[in-house]
Amino acid sequence: MPKKYIVRLKKKELKICDEVIARLSGSSQKVRRAQILRQANANGPCWTDEQIAQAYHCRTRTIENLRKRFVEEGFLIALNGKKRASPPRSCILDGEQEAKLIATRLGKPPKGFGSWSLRLLADQAVVLEITEAISHETCRHILKKTA
């Protein structure tokens, strides 16, 4: 079956791929993408997807997706990948709520407690109506950002 998306690298793009591979610059994903694009180049080695998958320990679907991204979105996006449009999960607290949580942590703990624990702080945030519900892990992330 003939390929629908054919990779044809220009000299400049080929040079960028070679530099990324030689220097191992960027993430491991970027290096692998550069290697795949280099081998899939119709003006060069023109390996089959199966050969590339075997050589670089990935699936043929990965190579097909990379070819498609190269043709539809361009070389730089194929090489570097795309940033997410939005984070996988939105922020639970806004800046004002985070400030109230930090201020609570800096104050004295309730009677009967020697210091703030994360679970105690999460419970207190609900009692003080800073938020409807919060986990101790979210409290840890917020305090870690500011510590």
Protein backbone atom coordinates (compact mmCIF):
# COMPACT_ATOMS: atom_id res chain seq x y z
CA MET A 1 0.00 0.00 0.00
CA PRO A 2 1.53 3.37 -0.97
CA LYS A 3 2.21 5.86 1.78
CA LYS A 4 -0.30 8.66 2.21
CA TYR A 5 2.11 11.00 4.02
CA ILE A 6 5.59 11.18 2.54
CA VAL A 7 8.44 12.84 4.42
CA ARG A 8 10.75 14.94 2.25
CA LEU A 9 13.31 16.78 4.36
CA LYS A 10 15.09 19.86 3.04
CA LYS A 11 18.84 20.25 3.59
CA LYS A 12 18.28 22.67 6.47
CA GLU A 13 15.82 20.30 8.17
CA LEU A 14 18.17 17.37 7.65
CA LYS A 15 20.98 19.37 9.25
CA ILE A 16 18.78 20.15 12.28
CA CYS A 17 17.92 16.47 12.66
CA ASP A 18 21.61 15.53 12.46
CA GLU A 19 22.52 18.11 15.12
CA VAL A 20 19.79 16.91 17.48
CA ILE A 21 20.93 13.31 17.05
CA ALA A 22 24.65 14.07 17.37
CA ARG A 23 24.32 16.32 20.44
CA LEU A 24 21.39 14.43 21.97
CA SER A 25 19.92 17.87 22.55
CA GLY A 26 16.40 18.12 23.86
CA SER A 27 14.25 15.38 25.29
CA SER A 28 14.63 11.72 24.41
CA GLN A 29 11.38 12.02 22.48
CA LYS A 30 12.82 14.82 20.36
CA VAL A 31 15.91 12.75 19.57
CA ARG A 32 13.77 9.76 18.61
CA ARG A 33 11.57 11.95 16.40
CA ALA A 34 14.68 13.30 14.68
CA GLN A 35 15.95 9.76 14.10
CA ILE A 36 12.59 8.63 12.72
CA LEU A 37 12.26 11.64 10.41
CA ARG A 38 15.82 11.11 9.17
CA GLN A 39 15.18 7.47 8.27
CA ALA A 40 11.69 8.12 6.83
CA ASN A 41 13.06 10.77 4.47
CA ALA A 42 12.05 9.92 0.90
CA ASN A 43 15.11 11.81 -0.40
CA GLY A 44 17.44 9.71 1.78
CA PRO A 45 17.30 6.26 3.34
CA CYS A 46 13.53 5.90 2.84
CA TRP A 47 13.18 3.03 5.30
CA THR A 48 9.83 1.32 5.69
CA ASP A 49 7.80 1.98 8.83
CA GLU A 50 8.50 -1.58 10.01
CA GLN A 51 12.27 -1.12 9.67
CA ILE A 52 12.16 2.19 11.57
CA ALA A 53 9.94 0.71 14.30
CA GLN A 54 12.30 -2.20 14.79
CA ALA A 55 15.42 0.00 14.78
CA TYR A 56 14.09 2.57 17.27
CA HIS A 57 11.89 0.32 19.42
CA CYS A 58 8.54 1.94 18.78
CA ARG A 59 5.28 1.03 17.07
CA THR A 60 4.58 1.58 13.39
CA ARG A 61 1.59 3.71 14.42
CA THR A 62 4.03 6.15 16.07
CA ILE A 63 5.85 6.54 12.78
CA GLU A 64 2.61 6.95 10.84
CA ASN A 65 1.49 9.67 13.27
CA LEU A 66 4.85 11.45 12.96
CA ARG A 67 4.67 11.35 9.16
CA LYS A 68 1.15 12.79 9.27
CA ARG A 69 2.18 15.56 11.69
CA PHE A 70 5.16 16.43 9.49
CA VAL A 71 3.02 16.78 6.35
CA GLU A 72 0.06 18.55 7.98
CA GLU A 73 1.72 20.76 10.60
CA GLY A 74 5.32 21.19 9.52
CA PHE A 75 8.82 20.15 10.45
CA LEU A 76 9.23 22.05 13.73
CA ILE A 77 6.01 20.76 15.26
CA ALA A 78 6.83 17.23 14.12
CA LEU A 79 10.26 17.47 15.71
CA ASN A 80 9.42 19.32 18.93
CA GLY A 81 5.86 18.11 19.50
CA LYS A 82 2.88 20.26 20.38
CA LYS A 83 2.17 22.01 23.64
CA ARG A 84 -1.15 21.19 25.25
CA ALA A 85 -3.88 23.73 24.65
CA SER A 86 -4.97 23.44 28.27
CA PRO A 87 -3.51 21.62 31.26
CA PRO A 88 -4.82 18.12 31.89
CA ARG A 89 -6.49 19.34 35.04
CA SER A 90 -7.53 22.85 36.00
CA CYS A 91 -6.34 24.55 39.19
CA ILE A 92 -8.43 23.75 42.24
CA LEU A 93 -7.72 26.98 44.12
CA ASP A 94 -7.25 30.50 42.82
CA GLY A 95 -4.57 32.87 44.11
CA GLU A 96 -6.72 34.34 46.87
CA GLN A 97 -7.66 30.92 48.21
CA GLU A 98 -4.01 29.82 48.11
CA ALA A 99 -3.02 32.93 50.09
CA LYS A 100 -5.66 32.15 52.75
CA LEU A 101 -4.39 28.56 52.99
CA ILE A 102 -0.80 29.74 53.41
CA ALA A 103 -1.87 32.30 56.01
CA THR A 104 -3.69 29.56 57.90
CA ARG A 105 -0.55 27.41 57.83
CA LEU A 106 1.55 30.28 59.20
CA GLY A 107 -0.84 30.80 62.11
CA LYS A 108 -1.06 28.74 65.28
CA PRO A 109 -2.51 25.26 64.97
CA PRO A 110 -5.80 24.46 66.74
CA LYS A 111 -5.80 23.53 70.43
CA GLY A 112 -4.53 20.06 71.07
CA PHE A 113 -2.12 20.06 68.14
CA GLY A 114 1.58 20.91 68.29
CA SER A 115 1.94 21.74 64.61
CA TRP A 116 0.03 21.69 61.34
CA SER A 117 -0.21 18.41 59.47
CA LEU A 118 -1.33 18.43 55.86
CA ARG A 119 -4.53 16.57 56.70
CA LEU A 120 -5.30 18.97 59.52
CA LEU A 121 -4.68 21.92 57.20
CA ALA A 122 -6.98 20.42 54.53
CA ASP A 123 -9.72 19.90 57.13
CA GLN A 124 -9.27 23.45 58.46
CA ALA A 125 -9.53 24.89 54.93
CA VAL A 126 -12.96 23.28 54.61
CA VAL A 127 -14.01 24.46 58.09
CA LEU A 128 -12.92 28.04 57.32
CA GLU A 129 -14.81 27.81 54.00
CA ILE A 130 -11.74 28.57 51.92
CA THR A 131 -12.95 25.83 49.59
CA GLU A 132 -15.67 23.19 49.56
CA ALA A 133 -13.26 20.25 49.47
CA ILE A 134 -9.50 19.84 49.25
CA SER A 135 -7.07 16.95 49.66
CA HIS A 136 -3.95 16.99 51.76
CA GLU A 137 -1.91 16.45 48.56
CA THR A 138 -3.25 19.68 47.09
CA CYS A 139 -2.21 21.46 50.28
CA ARG A 140 1.26 19.94 49.93
CA HIS A 141 1.58 21.19 46.35
CA ILE A 142 0.51 24.69 47.32
CA LEU A 143 2.90 24.88 50.27
CA LYS A 144 5.73 23.40 48.22
CA LYS A 145 5.32 26.12 45.58
CA THR A 146 5.77 28.83 48.16
CA ALA A 147 8.32 27.27 50.51
